[in-house]
Amino acid sequence: MAKDHGPSIKDDETYQALRDDGASKEKAARIANAQASKEQNPSRKGGKAPPYEDWTKDELYERAQELDIEGRSDMTKDELIKALRQG
């Protein structure tokens, strides 16, 4: 049985699995609570945006800027892709 993480976490088992995989507390809580909600389907495939490899370096930089990724101005296209995926 998963540890009880308090009333703000709706799916303790999913939360703990995500934390064990290195997810932040905030990210794990968002995902666990979304999966516990009948109105949300977080495991369903998302939008139809093209893969980052098809984006221009400028587009990747703009997205990194939106996410406030540090060091983005010195990154190559491949480094930007890696940073965006880790973000």
PDB file of N, CA and C in Angstrom:
ATOM      1  N   MET A   1       0.838  -1.182   0.000  1.00  0.00           N
ATOM      2  CA  MET A   1       0.000   0.000   0.000  1.00  0.00           C
ATOM      3  C   MET A   1       0.879   1.240   0.000  1.00  0.00           C
ATOM      4  N   ALA A   2       0.502   2.206  -0.805  1.00  0.00           N
ATOM      5  CA  ALA A   2       1.272   3.435  -0.916  1.00  0.00           C
ATOM      6  C   ALA A   2       1.100   4.290   0.336  1.00  0.00           C
ATOM      7  N   LYS A   3       2.128   5.038   0.621  1.00  0.00           N
ATOM      8  CA  LYS A   3       2.095   5.964   1.752  1.00  0.00           C
ATOM      9  C   LYS A   3       1.025   7.029   1.522  1.00  0.00           C
ATOM     10  N   ASP A   4       0.380   7.472   2.580  1.00  0.00           N
ATOM     11  CA  ASP A   4      -0.621   8.531   2.476  1.00  0.00           C
ATOM     12  C   ASP A   4       0.112   9.870   2.419  1.00  0.00           C
ATOM     13  N   HIS A   5      -0.037  10.578   1.300  1.00  0.00           N
ATOM     14  CA  HIS A   5       0.650  11.846   1.099  1.00  0.00           C
ATOM     15  C   HIS A   5      -0.223  13.042   1.452  1.00  0.00           C
ATOM     16  N   GLY A   6      -1.326  12.813   2.125  1.00  0.00           N
ATOM     17  CA  GLY A   6      -2.193  13.893   2.572  1.00  0.00           C
ATOM     18  C   GLY A   6      -3.396  14.080   1.673  1.00  0.00           C
ATOM     19  N   PRO A   7      -4.319  14.925   2.101  1.00  0.00           N
ATOM     20  CA  PRO A   7      -5.581  15.094   1.387  1.00  0.00           C
ATOM     21  C   PRO A   7      -5.445  15.782   0.021  1.00  0.00           C
ATOM     22  N   SER A   8      -4.320  16.472  -0.212  1.00  0.00           N
ATOM     23  CA  SER A   8      -4.175  17.163  -1.496  1.00  0.00           C
ATOM     24  C   SER A   8      -3.760  16.214  -2.621  1.00  0.00           C
ATOM     25  N   ILE A   9      -3.318  15.014  -2.277  1.00  0.00           N
ATOM     26  CA  ILE A   9      -2.921  14.016  -3.284  1.00  0.00           C
ATOM     27  C   ILE A   9      -4.042  12.995  -3.408  1.00  0.00           C
ATOM     28  N   LYS A  10      -4.606  12.899  -4.610  1.00  0.00           N
ATOM     29  CA  LYS A  10      -5.769  12.022  -4.815  1.00  0.00           C
ATOM     30  C   LYS A  10      -5.388  10.584  -5.170  1.00  0.00           C
ATOM     31  N   ASP A  11      -4.170  10.361  -5.680  1.00  0.00           N
ATOM     32  CA  ASP A  11      -3.729   9.017  -6.058  1.00  0.00           C
ATOM     33  C   ASP A  11      -2.308   8.815  -5.521  1.00  0.00           C
ATOM     34  N   ASP A  12      -2.208   8.336  -4.288  1.00  0.00           N
ATOM     35  CA  ASP A  12      -0.915   8.200  -3.623  1.00  0.00           C
ATOM     36  C   ASP A  12       0.047   7.275  -4.366  1.00  0.00           C
ATOM     37  N   GLU A  13      -0.472   6.191  -4.926  1.00  0.00           N
ATOM     38  CA  GLU A  13       0.379   5.216  -5.615  1.00  0.00           C
ATOM     39  C   GLU A  13       1.052   5.838  -6.839  1.00  0.00           C
ATOM     40  N   THR A  14       0.272   6.534  -7.660  1.00  0.00           N
ATOM     41  CA  THR A  14       0.824   7.192  -8.844  1.00  0.00           C
ATOM     42  C   THR A  14       1.808   8.279  -8.423  1.00  0.00           C
ATOM     43  N   TYR A  15       1.441   9.054  -7.420  1.00  0.00           N
ATOM     44  CA  TYR A  15       2.311  10.119  -6.909  1.00  0.00           C
ATOM     45  C   TYR A  15       3.665   9.540  -6.509  1.00  0.00           C
ATOM     46  N   GLN A  16       3.664   8.470  -5.727  1.00  0.00           N
ATOM     47  CA  GLN A  16       4.918   7.886  -5.250  1.00  0.00           C
ATOM     48  C   GLN A  16       5.744   7.325  -6.403  1.00  0.00           C
ATOM     49  N   ALA A  17       5.091   6.701  -7.369  1.00  0.00           N
ATOM     50  CA  ALA A  17       5.822   6.157  -8.525  1.00  0.00           C
ATOM     51  C   ALA A  17       6.505   7.281  -9.305  1.00  0.00           C
ATOM     52  N   LEU A  18       5.809   8.392  -9.477  1.00  0.00           N
ATOM     53  CA  LEU A  18       6.390   9.526 -10.190  1.00  0.00           C
ATOM     54  C   LEU A  18       7.545  10.143  -9.406  1.00  0.00           C
ATOM     55  N   ARG A  19       7.399  10.250  -8.094  1.00  0.00           N
ATOM     56  CA  ARG A  19       8.485  10.781  -7.258  1.00  0.00           C
ATOM     57  C   ARG A  19       9.700   9.866  -7.325  1.00  0.00           C
ATOM     58  N   ASP A  20       9.456   8.541  -7.306  1.00  0.00           N
ATOM     59  CA  ASP A  20      10.554   7.575  -7.399  1.00  0.00           C
ATOM     60  C   ASP A  20      11.289   7.690  -8.726  1.00  0.00           C
ATOM     61  N   ASP A  21      10.552   8.112  -9.778  1.00  0.00           N
ATOM     62  CA  ASP A  21      11.158   8.287 -11.103  1.00  0.00           C
ATOM     63  C   ASP A  21      11.821   9.646 -11.261  1.00  0.00           C
ATOM     64  N   GLY A  22      11.788  10.470 -10.218  1.00  0.00           N
ATOM     65  CA  GLY A  22      12.485  11.750 -10.259  1.00  0.00           C
ATOM     66  C   GLY A  22      11.624  12.968 -10.524  1.00  0.00           C
ATOM     67  N   ALA A  23      10.319  12.797 -10.603  1.00  0.00           N
ATOM     68  CA  ALA A  23       9.432  13.941 -10.831  1.00  0.00           C
ATOM     69  C   ALA A  23       9.407  14.827  -9.581  1.00  0.00           C
ATOM     70  N   SER A  24       9.257  16.125  -9.807  1.00  0.00           N
ATOM     71  CA  SER A  24       9.144  17.041  -8.672  1.00  0.00           C
ATOM     72  C   SER A  24       7.843  16.767  -7.926  1.00  0.00           C
ATOM     73  N   LYS A  25       7.745  17.255  -6.706  1.00  0.00           N
ATOM     74  CA  LYS A  25       6.521  17.072  -5.923  1.00  0.00           C
ATOM     75  C   LYS A  25       5.332  17.689  -6.637  1.00  0.00           C
ATOM     76  N   GLU A  26       5.540  18.886  -7.196  1.00  0.00           N
ATOM     77  CA  GLU A  26       4.451  19.587  -7.890  1.00  0.00           C
ATOM     78  C   GLU A  26       3.987  18.818  -9.125  1.00  0.00           C
ATOM     79  N   LYS A  27       4.945  18.366  -9.932  1.00  0.00           N
ATOM     80  CA  LYS A  27       4.601  17.634 -11.153  1.00  0.00           C
ATOM     81  C   LYS A  27       3.908  16.316 -10.812  1.00  0.00           C
ATOM     82  N   ALA A  28       4.437  15.594  -9.837  1.00  0.00           N
ATOM     83  CA  ALA A  28       3.842  14.314  -9.436  1.00  0.00           C
ATOM     84  C   ALA A  28       2.418  14.521  -8.928  1.00  0.00           C
ATOM     85  N   ALA A  29       2.206  15.582  -8.166  1.00  0.00           N
ATOM     86  CA  ALA A  29       0.864  15.863  -7.645  1.00  0.00           C
ATOM     87  C   ALA A  29      -0.108  16.193  -8.773  1.00  0.00           C
ATOM     88  N   ARG A  30       0.336  17.021  -9.720  1.00  0.00           N
ATOM     89  CA  ARG A  30      -0.540  17.376 -10.853  1.00  0.00           C
ATOM     90  C   ARG A  30      -0.974  16.142 -11.627  1.00  0.00           C
ATOM     91  N   ILE A  31      -0.017  15.280 -11.945  1.00  0.00           N
ATOM     92  CA  ILE A  31      -0.317  14.085 -12.742  1.00  0.00           C
ATOM     93  C   ILE A  31      -1.184  13.115 -11.949  1.00  0.00           C
ATOM     94  N   ALA A  32      -0.821  12.862 -10.694  1.00  0.00           N
ATOM     95  CA  ALA A  32      -1.587  11.920  -9.865  1.00  0.00           C
ATOM     96  C   ALA A  32      -3.025  12.400  -9.685  1.00  0.00           C
ATOM     97  N   ASN A  33      -3.201  13.676  -9.447  1.00  0.00           N
ATOM     98  CA  ASN A  33      -4.541  14.208  -9.247  1.00  0.00           C
ATOM     99  C   ASN A  33      -5.340  14.215 -10.548  1.00  0.00           C
ATOM    100  N   ALA A  34      -4.685  14.461 -11.672  1.00  0.00           N
ATOM    101  CA  ALA A  34      -5.376  14.429 -12.956  1.00  0.00           C
ATOM    102  C   ALA A  34      -5.838  13.011 -13.279  1.00  0.00           C
ATOM    103  N   GLN A  35      -4.998  12.019 -12.985  1.00  0.00           N
ATOM    104  CA  GLN A  35      -5.387  10.639 -13.250  1.00  0.00           C
ATOM    105  C   GLN A  35      -6.529  10.199 -12.352  1.00  0.00           C
ATOM    106  N   ALA A  36      -6.609  10.758 -11.169  1.00  0.00           N
ATOM    107  CA  ALA A  36      -7.677  10.382 -10.242  1.00  0.00           C
ATOM    108  C   ALA A  36      -9.006  11.049 -10.602  1.00  0.00           C
ATOM    109  N   SER A  37      -8.945  12.070 -11.450  1.00  0.00           N
ATOM    110  CA  SER A  37     -10.144  12.816 -11.832  1.00  0.00           C
ATOM    111  C   SER A  37     -10.836  12.156 -13.022  1.00  0.00           C
ATOM    112  N   LYS A  38     -12.138  12.003 -12.950  1.00  0.00           N
ATOM    113  CA  LYS A  38     -12.900  11.404 -14.052  1.00  0.00           C
ATOM    114  C   LYS A  38     -13.020  12.344 -15.240  1.00  0.00           C
ATOM    115  N   GLU A  39     -12.872  13.645 -15.006  1.00  0.00           N
ATOM    116  CA  GLU A  39     -13.011  14.618 -16.085  1.00  0.00           C
ATOM    117  C   GLU A  39     -11.746  14.759 -16.922  1.00  0.00           C
ATOM    118  N   GLN A  40     -10.614  14.288 -16.418  1.00  0.00           N
ATOM    119  CA  GLN A  40      -9.345  14.446 -17.126  1.00  0.00           C
ATOM    120  C   GLN A  40      -8.834  13.087 -17.584  1.00  0.00           C
ATOM    121  N   ASN A  41      -8.088  13.099 -18.679  1.00  0.00           N
ATOM    122  CA  ASN A  41      -7.500  11.880 -19.229  1.00  0.00           C
ATOM    123  C   ASN A  41      -6.030  12.125 -19.546  1.00  0.00           C
ATOM    124  N   PRO A  42      -5.156  12.251 -18.542  1.00  0.00           N
ATOM    125  CA  PRO A  42      -3.773  12.616 -18.801  1.00  0.00           C
ATOM    126  C   PRO A  42      -2.978  11.570 -19.575  1.00  0.00           C
ATOM    127  N   SER A  43      -3.439  10.332 -19.598  1.00  0.00           N
ATOM    128  CA  SER A  43      -2.688   9.319 -20.333  1.00  0.00           C
ATOM    129  C   SER A  43      -3.031   9.309 -21.821  1.00  0.00           C
ATOM    130  N   ARG A  44      -4.080  10.017 -22.190  1.00  0.00           N
ATOM    131  CA  ARG A  44      -4.452  10.089 -23.591  1.00  0.00           C
ATOM    132  C   ARG A  44      -3.458  10.971 -24.332  1.00  0.00           C
ATOM    133  N   LYS A  45      -3.162  10.621 -25.584  1.00  0.00           N
ATOM    134  CA  LYS A  45      -2.190  11.365 -26.384  1.00  0.00           C
ATOM    135  C   LYS A  45      -2.589  12.830 -26.481  1.00  0.00           C
ATOM    136  N   GLY A  46      -1.594  13.679 -26.385  1.00  0.00           N
ATOM    137  CA  GLY A  46      -1.821  15.121 -26.407  1.00  0.00           C
ATOM    138  C   GLY A  46      -2.057  15.682 -27.793  1.00  0.00           C
ATOM    139  N   GLY A  47      -1.628  16.923 -27.986  1.00  0.00           N
ATOM    140  CA  GLY A  47      -1.856  17.646 -29.230  1.00  0.00           C
ATOM    141  C   GLY A  47      -1.087  17.080 -30.404  1.00  0.00           C
ATOM    142  N   LYS A  48      -1.195  17.772 -31.499  1.00  0.00           N
ATOM    143  CA  LYS A  48      -0.584  17.311 -32.744  1.00  0.00           C
ATOM    144  C   LYS A  48       0.604  18.169 -33.149  1.00  0.00           C
ATOM    145  N   ALA A  49       1.293  18.751 -32.183  1.00  0.00           N
ATOM    146  CA  ALA A  49       2.467  19.560 -32.486  1.00  0.00           C
ATOM    147  C   ALA A  49       3.553  18.667 -33.087  1.00  0.00           C
ATOM    148  N   PRO A  50       4.293  19.197 -34.061  1.00  0.00           N
ATOM    149  CA  PRO A  50       5.370  18.396 -34.643  1.00  0.00           C
ATOM    150  C   PRO A  50       6.480  18.158 -33.617  1.00  0.00           C
ATOM    151  N   PRO A  51       7.267  17.110 -33.795  1.00  0.00           N
ATOM    152  CA  PRO A  51       8.359  16.840 -32.861  1.00  0.00           C
ATOM    153  C   PRO A  51       9.370  17.987 -32.891  1.00  0.00           C
ATOM    154  N   TYR A  52      10.059  18.183 -31.774  1.00  0.00           N
ATOM    155  CA  TYR A  52      11.025  19.277 -31.671  1.00  0.00           C
ATOM    156  C   TYR A  52      12.061  19.243 -32.800  1.00  0.00           C
ATOM    157  N   GLU A  53      12.395  18.066 -33.289  1.00  0.00           N
ATOM    158  CA  GLU A  53      13.395  17.966 -34.356  1.00  0.00           C
ATOM    159  C   GLU A  53      12.950  18.707 -35.622  1.00  0.00           C
ATOM    160  N   ASP A  54      11.646  18.889 -35.791  1.00  0.00           N
ATOM    161  CA  ASP A  54      11.128  19.603 -36.961  1.00  0.00           C
ATOM    162  C   ASP A  54      11.043  21.111 -36.745  1.00  0.00           C
ATOM    163  N   TRP A  55      11.273  21.581 -35.524  1.00  0.00           N
ATOM    164  CA  TRP A  55      11.232  23.000 -35.222  1.00  0.00           C
ATOM    165  C   TRP A  55      12.549  23.652 -35.637  1.00  0.00           C
ATOM    166  N   THR A  56      12.502  24.952 -35.930  1.00  0.00           N
ATOM    167  CA  THR A  56      13.736  25.689 -36.188  1.00  0.00           C
ATOM    168  C   THR A  56      14.397  25.998 -34.846  1.00  0.00           C
ATOM    169  N   LYS A  57      15.674  26.353 -34.889  1.00  0.00           N
ATOM    170  CA  LYS A  57      16.374  26.699 -33.648  1.00  0.00           C
ATOM    171  C   LYS A  57      15.714  27.920 -33.007  1.00  0.00           C
ATOM    172  N   ASP A  58      15.277  28.876 -33.831  1.00  0.00           N
ATOM    173  CA  ASP A  58      14.606  30.066 -33.287  1.00  0.00           C
ATOM    174  C   ASP A  58      13.308  29.705 -32.567  1.00  0.00           C
ATOM    175  N   GLU A  59      12.543  28.779 -33.133  1.00  0.00           N
ATOM    176  CA  GLU A  59      11.303  28.336 -32.486  1.00  0.00           C
ATOM    177  C   GLU A  59      11.606  27.645 -31.155  1.00  0.00           C
ATOM    178  N   LEU A  60      12.640  26.810 -31.159  1.00  0.00           N
ATOM    179  CA  LEU A  60      13.040  26.125 -29.924  1.00  0.00           C
ATOM    180  C   LEU A  60      13.487  27.132 -28.870  1.00  0.00           C
ATOM    181  N   TYR A  61      14.242  28.138 -29.322  1.00  0.00           N
ATOM    182  CA  TYR A  61      14.716  29.168 -28.395  1.00  0.00           C
ATOM    183  C   TYR A  61      13.536  29.922 -27.778  1.00  0.00           C
ATOM    184  N   GLU A  62      12.556  30.277 -28.608  1.00  0.00           N
ATOM    185  CA  GLU A  62      11.381  30.992 -28.103  1.00  0.00           C
ATOM    186  C   GLU A  62      10.632  30.155 -27.061  1.00  0.00           C
ATOM    187  N   ARG A  63      10.503  28.856 -27.333  1.00  0.00           N
ATOM    188  CA  ARG A  63       9.822  27.977 -26.371  1.00  0.00           C
ATOM    189  C   ARG A  63      10.628  27.886 -25.079  1.00  0.00           C
ATOM    190  N   ALA A  64      11.952  27.774 -25.200  1.00  0.00           N
ATOM    191  CA  ALA A  64      12.821  27.727 -24.017  1.00  0.00           C
ATOM    192  C   ALA A  64      12.707  29.028 -23.225  1.00  0.00           C
ATOM    193  N   GLN A  65      12.548  30.127 -23.937  1.00  0.00           N
ATOM    194  CA  GLN A  65      12.380  31.427 -23.285  1.00  0.00           C
ATOM    195  C   GLN A  65      11.062  31.459 -22.501  1.00  0.00           C
ATOM    196  N   GLU A  66       9.992  30.930 -23.104  1.00  0.00           N
ATOM    197  CA  GLU A  66       8.694  30.867 -22.423  1.00  0.00           C
ATOM    198  C   GLU A  66       8.785  30.066 -21.129  1.00  0.00           C
ATOM    199  N   LEU A  67       9.603  29.015 -21.157  1.00  0.00           N
ATOM    200  CA  LEU A  67       9.745  28.129 -19.995  1.00  0.00           C
ATOM    201  C   LEU A  67      10.869  28.575 -19.065  1.00  0.00           C
ATOM    202  N   ASP A  68      11.519  29.685 -19.410  1.00  0.00           N
ATOM    203  CA  ASP A  68      12.586  30.266 -18.598  1.00  0.00           C
ATOM    204  C   ASP A  68      13.726  29.271 -18.349  1.00  0.00           C
ATOM    205  N   ILE A  69      14.152  28.595 -19.420  1.00  0.00           N
ATOM    206  CA  ILE A  69      15.254  27.640 -19.325  1.00  0.00           C
ATOM    207  C   ILE A  69      16.564  28.424 -19.324  1.00  0.00           C
ATOM    208  N   GLU A  70      17.350  28.230 -18.276  1.00  0.00           N
ATOM    209  CA  GLU A  70      18.604  28.963 -18.141  1.00  0.00           C
ATOM    210  C   GLU A  70      19.654  28.449 -19.115  1.00  0.00           C
ATOM    211  N   GLY A  71      20.480  29.368 -19.613  1.00  0.00           N
ATOM    212  CA  GLY A  71      21.570  29.015 -20.517  1.00  0.00           C
ATOM    213  C   GLY A  71      21.138  28.803 -21.951  1.00  0.00           C
ATOM    214  N   ARG A  72      19.893  29.097 -22.270  1.00  0.00           N
ATOM    215  CA  ARG A  72      19.350  28.811 -23.606  1.00  0.00           C
ATOM    216  C   ARG A  72      20.072  29.548 -24.729  1.00  0.00           C
ATOM    217  N   SER A  73      20.586  30.741 -24.443  1.00  0.00           N
ATOM    218  CA  SER A  73      21.212  31.520 -25.506  1.00  0.00           C
ATOM    219  C   SER A  73      22.514  30.897 -26.000  1.00  0.00           C
ATOM    220  N   ASP A  74      23.139  30.065 -25.190  1.00  0.00           N
ATOM    221  CA  ASP A  74      24.391  29.411 -25.585  1.00  0.00           C
ATOM    222  C   ASP A  74      24.184  27.983 -26.097  1.00  0.00           C
ATOM    223  N   MET A  75      22.934  27.519 -26.144  1.00  0.00           N
ATOM    224  CA  MET A  75      22.657  26.122 -26.500  1.00  0.00           C
ATOM    225  C   MET A  75      22.558  25.914 -28.013  1.00  0.00           C
ATOM    226  N   THR A  76      22.975  24.729 -28.433  1.00  0.00           N
ATOM    227  CA  THR A  76      22.772  24.309 -29.823  1.00  0.00           C
ATOM    228  C   THR A  76      21.335  23.836 -29.960  1.00  0.00           C
ATOM    229  N   LYS A  77      20.924  23.547 -31.181  1.00  0.00           N
ATOM    230  CA  LYS A  77      19.564  23.047 -31.407  1.00  0.00           C
ATOM    231  C   LYS A  77      19.337  21.754 -30.612  1.00  0.00           C
ATOM    232  N   ASP A  78      20.293  20.834 -30.667  1.00  0.00           N
ATOM    233  CA  ASP A  78      20.153  19.568 -29.939  1.00  0.00           C
ATOM    234  C   ASP A  78      20.085  19.779 -28.432  1.00  0.00           C
ATOM    235  N   GLU A  79      20.853  20.727 -27.922  1.00  0.00           N
ATOM    236  CA  GLU A  79      20.825  21.013 -26.489  1.00  0.00           C
ATOM    237  C   GLU A  79      19.492  21.637 -26.085  1.00  0.00           C
ATOM    238  N   LEU A  80      18.940  22.491 -26.948  1.00  0.00           N
ATOM    239  CA  LEU A  80      17.635  23.082 -26.674  1.00  0.00           C
ATOM    240  C   LEU A  80      16.568  22.001 -26.612  1.00  0.00           C
ATOM    241  N   ILE A  81      16.605  21.068 -27.556  1.00  0.00           N
ATOM    242  CA  ILE A  81      15.638  19.967 -27.574  1.00  0.00           C
ATOM    243  C   ILE A  81      15.735  19.165 -26.276  1.00  0.00           C
ATOM    244  N   LYS A  82      16.954  18.837 -25.876  1.00  0.00           N
ATOM    245  CA  LYS A  82      17.157  18.058 -24.649  1.00  0.00           C
ATOM    246  C   LYS A  82      16.620  18.826 -23.442  1.00  0.00           C
ATOM    247  N   ALA A  83      16.922  20.123 -23.363  1.00  0.00           N
ATOM    248  CA  ALA A  83      16.466  20.936 -22.227  1.00  0.00           C
ATOM    249  C   ALA A  83      14.957  21.044 -22.202  1.00  0.00           C
ATOM    250  N   LEU A  84      14.332  21.193 -23.356  1.00  0.00           N
ATOM    251  CA  LEU A  84      12.869  21.292 -23.422  1.00  0.00           C
ATOM    252  C   LEU A  84      12.219  19.981 -22.984  1.00  0.00           C
ATOM    253  N   ARG A  85      12.806  18.888 -23.353  1.00  0.00           N
ATOM    254  CA  ARG A  85      12.228  17.591 -22.972  1.00  0.00           C
ATOM    255  C   ARG A  85      12.397  17.313 -21.493  1.00  0.00           C
ATOM    256  N   GLN A  86      13.438  17.852 -20.891  1.00  0.00           N
ATOM    257  CA  GLN A  86      13.661  17.663 -19.451  1.00  0.00           C
ATOM    258  C   GLN A  86      12.801  18.605 -18.634  1.00  0.00           C
ATOM    259  N   GLY A  87      12.474  19.765 -19.239  1.00  0.00           N
ATOM    260  CA  GLY A  87      11.745  20.822 -18.556  1.00  0.00           C
ATOM    261  C   GLY A  87      10.493  20.382 -17.947  1.00  0.00           C
TER     262      GLY A  87
END
